[in-house]
Amino acid sequence: ALQRRQPAEHVIIEAHPAVHRRMQDDGWTTKPGVKVAFGRWQDVLADPSSLGQFDAVFFDTYGEYYSDMHAFHQLLPTLLKPDGIYTFFNGMCPFNIFFHGVACELVKTELEHMGIRSIFIPIQIQLDEETWKGVRRKYWQRDTYYLPICILQDQKQLQQQAPAGGSGGGAAAAADGR
């Protein structure tokens, strides 16, 4: 779907050998403007500035722990351009809607401390048993999916909008001290 929009550059980090082979077989590694980096994101992004900054980043969190997601979030201010958009597969606590809501609020608060504004857009979905045919573990159980849209705020604009001598330094200091 992204390629239909013809981005100037599309970087994919893929760690799974079978998926990487399939991407090669399907021609992804030779598409104009597409760069496929084979490896774990933790290794490929060991120097997060090496790939430059992006207008948008999608993080497939399937199979990741929250600690991995937290570590990835720490890279976002380097990876995203000002007003850049970040989203991810929101499969946190998929079996309990209460804990899912708590996890969404946790992400929202975490990103807010880094200057990233987040909203979760409810999207109605219909999944039947045919959808899950051949899938060992259903990774989503609900009729509503909460799509995260997270935008890195332009820090210069934020500083200009802040009241003179305003508060908020404590939150910034806490975020910087992690």
N, C-alpha and C. Protein backbone atom coordinates (compact mmCIF):
# COMPACT_ATOMS: atom_id res chain seq x y z
N ALA A 1 0.82 -1.19 0.00
CA ALA A 1 0.00 0.00 0.00
C ALA A 1 0.86 1.26 0.00
N LEU A 2 1.95 1.25 0.77
CA LEU A 2 2.83 2.41 0.84
C LEU A 2 3.46 2.71 -0.52
N GLN A 3 3.84 1.69 -1.24
CA GLN A 3 4.52 1.89 -2.52
C GLN A 3 3.62 2.57 -3.55
N ARG A 4 2.31 2.42 -3.41
CA ARG A 4 1.40 3.12 -4.34
C ARG A 4 1.54 4.63 -4.21
N ARG A 5 1.99 5.10 -3.07
CA ARG A 5 2.18 6.54 -2.86
C ARG A 5 3.54 7.02 -3.37
N GLN A 6 4.35 6.11 -3.84
CA GLN A 6 5.65 6.38 -4.45
C GLN A 6 6.54 7.27 -3.57
N PRO A 7 6.89 6.78 -2.38
CA PRO A 7 7.78 7.57 -1.54
C PRO A 7 9.17 7.66 -2.17
N ALA A 8 9.86 8.76 -1.91
CA ALA A 8 11.21 8.92 -2.44
C ALA A 8 12.14 7.86 -1.85
N GLU A 9 11.89 7.50 -0.59
CA GLU A 9 12.71 6.49 0.08
C GLU A 9 11.83 5.68 1.01
N HIS A 10 12.02 4.36 0.98
CA HIS A 10 11.27 3.44 1.83
C HIS A 10 12.28 2.46 2.41
N VAL A 11 12.51 2.55 3.71
CA VAL A 11 13.49 1.69 4.37
C VAL A 11 12.73 0.63 5.16
N ILE A 12 13.10 -0.62 4.95
CA ILE A 12 12.50 -1.74 5.66
C ILE A 12 13.61 -2.48 6.39
N ILE A 13 13.41 -2.67 7.68
CA ILE A 13 14.35 -3.47 8.47
C ILE A 13 13.65 -4.80 8.74
N GLU A 14 14.23 -5.88 8.28
CA GLU A 14 13.62 -7.20 8.42
C GLU A 14 14.61 -8.19 9.02
N ALA A 15 14.21 -8.82 10.11
CA ALA A 15 15.10 -9.74 10.81
C ALA A 15 14.83 -11.21 10.50
N HIS A 16 13.65 -11.54 10.05
CA HIS A 16 13.30 -12.94 9.85
C HIS A 16 13.87 -13.44 8.52
N PRO A 17 14.72 -14.47 8.55
CA PRO A 17 15.36 -14.94 7.30
C PRO A 17 14.38 -15.36 6.21
N ALA A 18 13.29 -16.03 6.58
CA ALA A 18 12.32 -16.47 5.56
C ALA A 18 11.60 -15.28 4.95
N VAL A 19 11.25 -14.30 5.75
CA VAL A 19 10.59 -13.10 5.23
C VAL A 19 11.56 -12.32 4.35
N HIS A 20 12.81 -12.23 4.77
CA HIS A 20 13.82 -11.53 3.96
C HIS A 20 13.99 -12.23 2.61
N ARG A 21 14.06 -13.55 2.61
CA ARG A 21 14.18 -14.30 1.35
C ARG A 21 12.96 -14.04 0.45
N ARG A 22 11.79 -14.03 1.05
CA ARG A 22 10.56 -13.78 0.28
C ARG A 22 10.60 -12.37 -0.32
N MET A 23 11.09 -11.41 0.45
CA MET A 23 11.20 -10.04 -0.07
C MET A 23 12.16 -10.01 -1.26
N GLN A 24 13.26 -10.73 -1.16
CA GLN A 24 14.20 -10.81 -2.29
C GLN A 24 13.53 -11.45 -3.50
N ASP A 25 12.84 -12.57 -3.27
CA ASP A 25 12.16 -13.28 -4.36
C ASP A 25 11.09 -12.42 -5.01
N ASP A 26 10.42 -11.59 -4.21
CA ASP A 26 9.35 -10.74 -4.73
C ASP A 26 9.87 -9.41 -5.30
N GLY A 27 11.19 -9.22 -5.30
CA GLY A 27 11.77 -8.05 -5.94
C GLY A 27 11.86 -6.79 -5.08
N TRP A 28 11.59 -6.91 -3.79
CA TRP A 28 11.63 -5.72 -2.93
C TRP A 28 13.04 -5.12 -2.85
N THR A 29 14.06 -5.93 -2.91
CA THR A 29 15.42 -5.43 -2.76
C THR A 29 15.92 -4.71 -4.00
N THR A 30 15.16 -4.76 -5.09
CA THR A 30 15.57 -4.07 -6.32
C THR A 30 14.59 -2.96 -6.73
N LYS A 31 13.57 -2.72 -5.92
CA LYS A 31 12.61 -1.66 -6.24
C LYS A 31 13.28 -0.30 -6.08
N PRO A 32 13.00 0.63 -6.97
CA PRO A 32 13.58 1.98 -6.85
C PRO A 32 13.13 2.64 -5.55
N GLY A 33 14.09 3.23 -4.86
CA GLY A 33 13.79 3.96 -3.63
C GLY A 33 13.58 3.09 -2.41
N VAL A 34 13.70 1.76 -2.56
CA VAL A 34 13.51 0.85 -1.43
C VAL A 34 14.86 0.34 -0.95
N LYS A 35 15.08 0.44 0.35
CA LYS A 35 16.29 -0.12 0.95
C LYS A 35 15.83 -1.15 1.98
N VAL A 36 16.28 -2.39 1.82
CA VAL A 36 15.95 -3.45 2.77
C VAL A 36 17.21 -3.76 3.56
N ALA A 37 17.14 -3.54 4.86
CA ALA A 37 18.26 -3.84 5.74
C ALA A 37 17.93 -5.13 6.48
N PHE A 38 18.76 -6.14 6.31
CA PHE A 38 18.52 -7.42 6.98
C PHE A 38 19.18 -7.40 8.35
N GLY A 39 18.38 -7.68 9.37
CA GLY A 39 18.90 -7.75 10.72
C GLY A 39 17.86 -7.28 11.73
N ARG A 40 18.19 -7.43 12.98
CA ARG A 40 17.33 -6.94 14.05
C ARG A 40 17.40 -5.42 14.07
N TRP A 41 16.28 -4.77 14.38
CA TRP A 41 16.28 -3.31 14.40
C TRP A 41 17.30 -2.80 15.41
N GLN A 42 17.50 -3.54 16.51
CA GLN A 42 18.46 -3.12 17.52
C GLN A 42 19.88 -3.03 16.95
N ASP A 43 20.19 -3.91 16.00
CA ASP A 43 21.52 -3.91 15.38
C ASP A 43 21.60 -2.90 14.25
N VAL A 44 20.59 -2.88 13.40
CA VAL A 44 20.58 -1.95 12.26
C VAL A 44 20.58 -0.50 12.74
N LEU A 45 19.87 -0.25 13.84
CA LEU A 45 19.76 1.11 14.37
C LEU A 45 20.71 1.37 15.54
N ALA A 46 21.80 0.60 15.62
CA ALA A 46 22.78 0.84 16.68
C ALA A 46 23.26 2.29 16.64
N ASP A 47 23.38 2.84 15.43
CA ASP A 47 23.61 4.27 15.23
C ASP A 47 22.37 4.80 14.53
N PRO A 48 21.39 5.30 15.30
CA PRO A 48 20.11 5.68 14.69
C PRO A 48 20.20 6.78 13.65
N SER A 49 21.25 7.58 13.68
CA SER A 49 21.37 8.65 12.69
C SER A 49 21.92 8.14 11.35
N SER A 50 22.35 6.86 11.30
CA SER A 50 22.97 6.33 10.08
C SER A 50 21.99 6.25 8.90
N LEU A 51 20.70 6.15 9.16
CA LEU A 51 19.72 6.05 8.08
C LEU A 51 19.09 7.39 7.74
N GLY A 52 19.41 8.41 8.50
CA GLY A 52 18.79 9.71 8.28
C GLY A 52 17.48 9.83 9.04
N GLN A 53 16.73 10.88 8.71
CA GLN A 53 15.43 11.10 9.36
C GLN A 53 14.31 10.79 8.39
N PHE A 54 13.16 10.45 8.96
CA PHE A 54 12.04 10.00 8.16
C PHE A 54 10.80 10.85 8.41
N ASP A 55 9.94 10.91 7.38
CA ASP A 55 8.64 11.56 7.51
C ASP A 55 7.70 10.68 8.32
N ALA A 56 7.89 9.35 8.23
CA ALA A 56 7.01 8.42 8.92
C ALA A 56 7.78 7.14 9.26
N VAL A 57 7.38 6.53 10.37
CA VAL A 57 7.98 5.28 10.83
C VAL A 57 6.85 4.36 11.29
N PHE A 58 6.88 3.11 10.82
CA PHE A 58 5.98 2.08 11.32
C PHE A 58 6.83 1.03 12.02
N PHE A 59 6.42 0.64 13.22
CA PHE A 59 7.13 -0.37 14.00
C PHE A 59 6.20 -1.56 14.19
N ASP A 60 6.58 -2.70 13.65
CA ASP A 60 5.79 -3.92 13.83
C ASP A 60 6.19 -4.54 15.15
N THR A 61 5.35 -4.36 16.14
CA THR A 61 5.67 -4.78 17.51
C THR A 61 5.37 -6.25 17.76
N TYR A 62 4.82 -6.95 16.77
CA TYR A 62 4.48 -8.35 17.00
C TYR A 62 5.74 -9.12 17.39
N GLY A 63 5.67 -9.85 18.48
CA GLY A 63 6.81 -10.62 18.95
C GLY A 63 7.80 -9.82 19.78
N GLU A 64 7.50 -8.57 20.04
CA GLU A 64 8.37 -7.71 20.86
C GLU A 64 7.78 -7.57 22.26
N TYR A 65 8.64 -7.35 23.23
CA TYR A 65 8.20 -7.03 24.58
C TYR A 65 8.08 -5.52 24.71
N TYR A 66 7.39 -5.09 25.77
CA TYR A 66 7.26 -3.64 25.95
C TYR A 66 8.62 -2.99 26.15
N SER A 67 9.54 -3.68 26.79
CA SER A 67 10.88 -3.11 26.98
C SER A 67 11.56 -2.84 25.63
N ASP A 68 11.31 -3.69 24.64
CA ASP A 68 11.84 -3.46 23.29
C ASP A 68 11.20 -2.22 22.67
N MET A 69 9.90 -2.11 22.84
CA MET A 69 9.18 -0.95 22.31
C MET A 69 9.68 0.33 22.98
N HIS A 70 9.89 0.25 24.28
CA HIS A 70 10.41 1.41 25.01
C HIS A 70 11.78 1.82 24.46
N ALA A 71 12.63 0.85 24.22
CA ALA A 71 13.96 1.14 23.66
C ALA A 71 13.83 1.76 22.27
N PHE A 72 12.90 1.27 21.46
CA PHE A 72 12.68 1.84 20.13
C PHE A 72 12.18 3.27 20.25
N HIS A 73 11.29 3.52 21.20
CA HIS A 73 10.76 4.87 21.39
C HIS A 73 11.87 5.87 21.67
N GLN A 74 12.90 5.45 22.36
CA GLN A 74 14.01 6.36 22.67
C GLN A 74 14.72 6.84 21.41
N LEU A 75 14.59 6.10 20.32
CA LEU A 75 15.23 6.47 19.05
C LEU A 75 14.39 7.43 18.21
N LEU A 76 13.11 7.53 18.51
CA LEU A 76 12.21 8.32 17.67
C LEU A 76 12.62 9.77 17.47
N PRO A 77 13.07 10.49 18.50
CA PRO A 77 13.47 11.88 18.24
C PRO A 77 14.62 12.00 17.23
N THR A 78 15.42 10.96 17.10
CA THR A 78 16.49 10.96 16.11
C THR A 78 15.99 10.49 14.75
N LEU A 79 15.07 9.53 14.74
CA LEU A 79 14.58 8.95 13.48
C LEU A 79 13.58 9.82 12.74
N LEU A 80 12.75 10.56 13.48
CA LEU A 80 11.68 11.33 12.86
C LEU A 80 12.09 12.77 12.56
N LYS A 81 11.63 13.26 11.43
CA LYS A 81 11.74 14.69 11.14
C LYS A 81 10.71 15.42 12.01
N PRO A 82 10.89 16.72 12.24
CA PRO A 82 9.83 17.46 12.95
C PRO A 82 8.49 17.27 12.25
N ASP A 83 7.47 17.04 13.02
CA ASP A 83 6.12 16.74 12.54
C ASP A 83 6.04 15.38 11.85
N GLY A 84 7.07 14.55 12.04
CA GLY A 84 7.06 13.19 11.51
C GLY A 84 6.05 12.33 12.25
N ILE A 85 5.52 11.34 11.57
CA ILE A 85 4.48 10.48 12.11
C ILE A 85 5.06 9.11 12.45
N TYR A 86 4.67 8.62 13.60
CA TYR A 86 5.05 7.29 14.05
C TYR A 86 3.77 6.51 14.35
N THR A 87 3.75 5.24 13.92
CA THR A 87 2.66 4.36 14.29
C THR A 87 3.25 2.96 14.48
N PHE A 88 2.46 2.08 15.05
CA PHE A 88 2.94 0.74 15.34
C PHE A 88 1.77 -0.22 15.38
N PHE A 89 2.07 -1.51 15.30
CA PHE A 89 1.02 -2.51 15.48
C PHE A 89 0.63 -2.48 16.95
N ASN A 90 -0.60 -2.10 17.22
CA ASN A 90 -1.07 -1.92 18.58
C ASN A 90 -1.73 -3.21 19.08
N GLY A 91 -0.89 -4.19 19.33
CA GLY A 91 -1.39 -5.47 19.84
C GLY A 91 -1.11 -5.65 21.32
N MET A 92 -0.92 -4.55 22.02
CA MET A 92 -0.61 -4.63 23.45
C MET A 92 -1.82 -5.15 24.22
N CYS A 93 -1.60 -6.16 25.06
CA CYS A 93 -2.66 -6.73 25.92
C CYS A 93 -3.94 -6.99 25.12
N PRO A 94 -3.86 -7.76 24.04
CA PRO A 94 -5.02 -7.90 23.16
C PRO A 94 -6.19 -8.68 23.75
N PHE A 95 -5.97 -9.40 24.84
CA PHE A 95 -7.01 -10.27 25.38
C PHE A 95 -7.81 -9.62 26.51
N ASN A 96 -7.42 -8.40 26.91
CA ASN A 96 -8.13 -7.73 28.00
C ASN A 96 -8.23 -6.25 27.66
N ILE A 97 -9.43 -5.78 27.38
CA ILE A 97 -9.62 -4.40 26.91
C ILE A 97 -9.20 -3.38 27.97
N PHE A 98 -9.37 -3.70 29.25
CA PHE A 98 -8.95 -2.77 30.30
C PHE A 98 -7.43 -2.58 30.26
N PHE A 99 -6.70 -3.68 30.25
CA PHE A 99 -5.24 -3.58 30.23
C PHE A 99 -4.73 -3.01 28.91
N HIS A 100 -5.47 -3.26 27.83
CA HIS A 100 -5.11 -2.66 26.54
C HIS A 100 -5.19 -1.13 26.65
N GLY A 101 -6.26 -0.63 27.26
CA GLY A 101 -6.41 0.81 27.46
C GLY A 101 -5.32 1.38 28.34
N VAL A 102 -4.94 0.65 29.38
CA VAL A 102 -3.85 1.09 30.26
C VAL A 102 -2.55 1.16 29.47
N ALA A 103 -2.28 0.14 28.65
CA ALA A 103 -1.05 0.12 27.85
C ALA A 103 -1.02 1.28 26.86
N CYS A 104 -2.16 1.60 26.26
CA CYS A 104 -2.22 2.74 25.33
C CYS A 104 -1.90 4.04 26.06
N GLU A 105 -2.43 4.21 27.26
CA GLU A 105 -2.14 5.41 28.05
C GLU A 105 -0.68 5.46 28.45
N LEU A 106 -0.08 4.31 28.75
CA LEU A 106 1.34 4.26 29.09
C LEU A 106 2.19 4.75 27.92
N VAL A 107 1.89 4.25 26.72
CA VAL A 107 2.62 4.69 25.52
C VAL A 107 2.42 6.18 25.30
N LYS A 108 1.20 6.63 25.42
CA LYS A 108 0.88 8.05 25.22
C LYS A 108 1.69 8.93 26.18
N THR A 109 1.74 8.54 27.43
CA THR A 109 2.49 9.31 28.44
C THR A 109 3.99 9.26 28.16
N GLU A 110 4.50 8.07 27.84
CA GLU A 110 5.92 7.92 27.54
C GLU A 110 6.33 8.81 26.37
N LEU A 111 5.56 8.76 25.29
CA LEU A 111 5.91 9.55 24.11
C LEU A 111 5.73 11.05 24.35
N GLU A 112 4.74 11.41 25.13
CA GLU A 112 4.50 12.82 25.44
C GLU A 112 5.72 13.46 26.11
N HIS A 113 6.40 12.70 26.96
CA HIS A 113 7.60 13.20 27.64
C HIS A 113 8.77 13.42 26.67
N MET A 114 8.63 12.87 25.46
CA MET A 114 9.68 13.04 24.45
C MET A 114 9.25 14.03 23.38
N GLY A 115 8.13 14.72 23.60
CA GLY A 115 7.66 15.71 22.62
C GLY A 115 6.90 15.09 21.47
N ILE A 116 6.31 13.92 21.70
CA ILE A 116 5.55 13.23 20.66
C ILE A 116 4.09 13.15 21.12
N ARG A 117 3.22 13.79 20.38
CA ARG A 117 1.79 13.80 20.70
C ARG A 117 1.15 12.54 20.09
N SER A 118 0.30 11.86 20.86
CA SER A 118 -0.29 10.61 20.40
C SER A 118 -1.80 10.62 20.55
N ILE A 119 -2.45 10.04 19.57
CA ILE A 119 -3.88 9.75 19.67
C ILE A 119 -4.08 8.32 19.21
N PHE A 120 -5.16 7.72 19.66
CA PHE A 120 -5.52 6.36 19.25
C PHE A 120 -6.89 6.43 18.61
N ILE A 121 -6.94 6.16 17.32
CA ILE A 121 -8.17 6.27 16.56
C ILE A 121 -8.89 4.92 16.54
N PRO A 122 -10.13 4.87 17.05
CA PRO A 122 -10.86 3.59 17.01
C PRO A 122 -11.32 3.26 15.59
N ILE A 123 -11.00 2.05 15.16
CA ILE A 123 -11.39 1.59 13.83
C ILE A 123 -12.15 0.28 14.00
N GLN A 124 -13.34 0.25 13.46
CA GLN A 124 -14.15 -0.97 13.53
C GLN A 124 -13.61 -1.98 12.52
N ILE A 125 -13.41 -3.20 12.98
CA ILE A 125 -12.94 -4.27 12.10
C ILE A 125 -13.83 -5.50 12.29
N GLN A 126 -13.88 -6.32 11.28
CA GLN A 126 -14.63 -7.56 11.38
C GLN A 126 -13.69 -8.70 11.02
N LEU A 127 -13.45 -9.55 11.99
CA LEU A 127 -12.59 -10.70 11.79
C LEU A 127 -13.41 -11.97 12.00
N ASP A 128 -13.42 -12.82 11.00
CA ASP A 128 -14.13 -14.08 11.15
C ASP A 128 -13.11 -15.21 11.26
N GLU A 129 -13.58 -16.39 11.45
CA GLU A 129 -12.68 -17.54 11.62
C GLU A 129 -11.81 -17.77 10.39
N GLU A 130 -12.30 -17.41 9.21
CA GLU A 130 -11.52 -17.59 7.98
C GLU A 130 -10.25 -16.73 8.00
N THR A 131 -10.36 -15.56 8.63
CA THR A 131 -9.20 -14.66 8.75
C THR A 131 -8.04 -15.35 9.46
N TRP A 132 -8.36 -16.18 10.43
CA TRP A 132 -7.34 -16.80 11.27
C TRP A 132 -6.95 -18.20 10.82
N LYS A 133 -7.47 -18.64 9.69
CA LYS A 133 -7.15 -19.98 9.20
C LYS A 133 -5.65 -20.09 8.95
N GLY A 134 -5.03 -21.08 9.58
CA GLY A 134 -3.60 -21.31 9.44
C GLY A 134 -2.74 -20.48 10.38
N VAL A 135 -3.36 -19.63 11.18
CA VAL A 135 -2.62 -18.81 12.15
C VAL A 135 -2.68 -19.53 13.50
N ARG A 136 -1.52 -19.78 14.10
CA ARG A 136 -1.47 -20.53 15.36
C ARG A 136 -2.10 -19.78 16.52
N ARG A 137 -1.89 -18.48 16.58
CA ARG A 137 -2.38 -17.71 17.73
C ARG A 137 -3.03 -16.43 17.24
N LYS A 138 -4.30 -16.27 17.56
CA LYS A 138 -4.98 -15.03 17.20
C LYS A 138 -4.33 -13.89 17.98
N TYR A 139 -3.88 -12.88 17.27
CA TYR A 139 -3.21 -11.78 17.96
C TYR A 139 -4.10 -10.55 18.12
N TRP A 140 -5.36 -10.66 17.73
CA TRP A 140 -6.32 -9.59 18.01
C TRP A 140 -7.69 -10.23 18.17
N GLN A 141 -8.43 -9.81 19.21
CA GLN A 141 -9.69 -10.46 19.56
C GLN A 141 -10.90 -9.53 19.47
N ARG A 142 -10.72 -8.27 19.29
CA ARG A 142 -11.79 -7.29 19.44
C ARG A 142 -12.35 -6.83 18.10
N ASP A 143 -13.52 -6.17 18.17
CA ASP A 143 -14.14 -5.60 16.98
C ASP A 143 -13.64 -4.19 16.70
N THR A 144 -12.90 -3.62 17.67
CA THR A 144 -12.36 -2.28 17.52
C THR A 144 -10.85 -2.35 17.68
N TYR A 145 -10.13 -1.79 16.71
CA TYR A 145 -8.67 -1.67 16.77
C TYR A 145 -8.37 -0.20 17.01
N TYR A 146 -7.42 0.08 17.90
CA TYR A 146 -7.07 1.46 18.22
C TYR A 146 -5.75 1.81 17.53
N LEU A 147 -5.87 2.50 16.40
CA LEU A 147 -4.73 2.86 15.56
C LEU A 147 -3.97 4.02 16.19
N PRO A 148 -2.69 3.81 16.54
CA PRO A 148 -1.91 4.90 17.11
C PRO A 148 -1.37 5.84 16.02
N ILE A 149 -1.58 7.12 16.21
CA ILE A 149 -0.99 8.16 15.36
C ILE A 149 -0.20 9.06 16.30
N CYS A 150 1.10 9.08 16.12
CA CYS A 150 1.99 9.79 17.04
C CYS A 150 2.82 10.76 16.20
N ILE A 151 2.85 12.02 16.61
CA ILE A 151 3.52 13.07 15.82
C ILE A 151 4.58 13.76 16.66
N LEU A 152 5.82 13.75 16.14
CA LEU A 152 6.91 14.45 16.81
C LEU A 152 6.71 15.94 16.65
N GLN A 153 6.55 16.62 17.75
CA GLN A 153 6.32 18.06 17.72
C GLN A 153 7.62 18.78 17.37
N ASP A 154 7.52 19.81 16.58
CA ASP A 154 8.67 20.63 16.23
C ASP A 154 9.11 21.36 17.50
N GLN A 155 10.27 21.02 18.02
CA GLN A 155 10.74 21.55 19.30
C GLN A 155 10.92 23.07 19.26
N LYS A 156 11.31 23.61 18.12
CA LYS A 156 11.46 25.07 18.01
C LYS A 156 10.11 25.75 18.18
N GLN A 157 9.08 25.18 17.54
CA GLN A 157 7.74 25.75 17.68
C GLN A 157 7.25 25.64 19.12
N LEU A 158 7.52 24.51 19.75
CA LEU A 158 7.09 24.32 21.14
C LEU A 158 7.76 25.34 22.06
N GLN A 159 9.05 25.60 21.84
CA GLN A 159 9.77 26.57 22.68
C GLN A 159 9.22 27.97 22.47
N GLN A 160 8.84 28.30 21.24
CA GLN A 160 8.28 29.61 20.96
C GLN A 160 6.90 29.77 21.58
N GLN A 161 6.15 28.67 21.68
CA GLN A 161 4.81 28.72 22.23
C GLN A 161 4.80 28.67 23.76
N ALA A 162 5.88 28.20 24.37
CA ALA A 162 5.93 28.06 25.82
C ALA A 162 5.93 29.44 26.47
N PRO A 163 5.18 29.59 27.57
CA PRO A 163 5.18 30.87 28.27
C PRO A 163 6.56 31.14 28.88
N ALA A 164 6.94 32.40 28.91
CA ALA A 164 8.24 32.78 29.47
C ALA A 164 8.32 32.31 30.92
N GLY A 165 9.41 31.62 31.26
CA GLY A 165 9.60 31.14 32.62
C GLY A 165 8.62 30.05 32.99
N GLY A 166 8.03 29.41 31.95
CA GLY A 166 7.00 28.40 32.18
C GLY A 166 7.55 27.15 32.83
N SER A 167 6.64 26.34 33.27
CA SER A 167 7.04 25.09 33.91
C SER A 167 7.21 24.01 32.87
N GLY A 168 7.44 22.80 33.34
CA GLY A 168 7.60 21.67 32.43
C GLY A 168 9.02 21.19 32.39
N GLY A 169 9.95 21.90 33.03
CA GLY A 169 11.34 21.46 33.01
C GLY A 169 11.53 20.14 33.70
N GLY A 170 10.72 19.87 34.71
CA GLY A 170 10.85 18.62 35.43
C GLY A 170 10.56 17.44 34.53
N ALA A 171 9.51 17.54 33.72
CA ALA A 171 9.18 16.46 32.81
C ALA A 171 10.28 16.28 31.77
N ALA A 172 10.79 17.38 31.26
CA ALA A 172 11.86 17.30 30.26
C ALA A 172 13.11 16.70 30.89
N ALA A 173 13.40 17.10 32.11
CA ALA A 173 14.59 16.57 32.78
C ALA A 173 14.43 15.09 33.03
N ALA A 174 13.23 14.67 33.42
CA ALA A 174 13.00 13.24 33.67
C ALA A 174 13.15 12.46 32.39
N ALA A 175 12.64 13.01 31.29
CA ALA A 175 12.75 12.31 30.01
C ALA A 175 14.20 12.27 29.54
N ASP A 176 14.94 13.35 29.78
CA ASP A 176 16.34 13.38 29.35
C ASP A 176 17.20 12.46 30.21
N GLY A 177 16.76 12.21 31.44
CA GLY A 177 17.59 11.44 32.35
C GLY A 177 17.44 9.94 32.21
N ARG A 178 16.60 9.47 31.30
CA ARG A 178 16.42 8.01 31.15
C ARG A 178 17.60 7.35 30.53
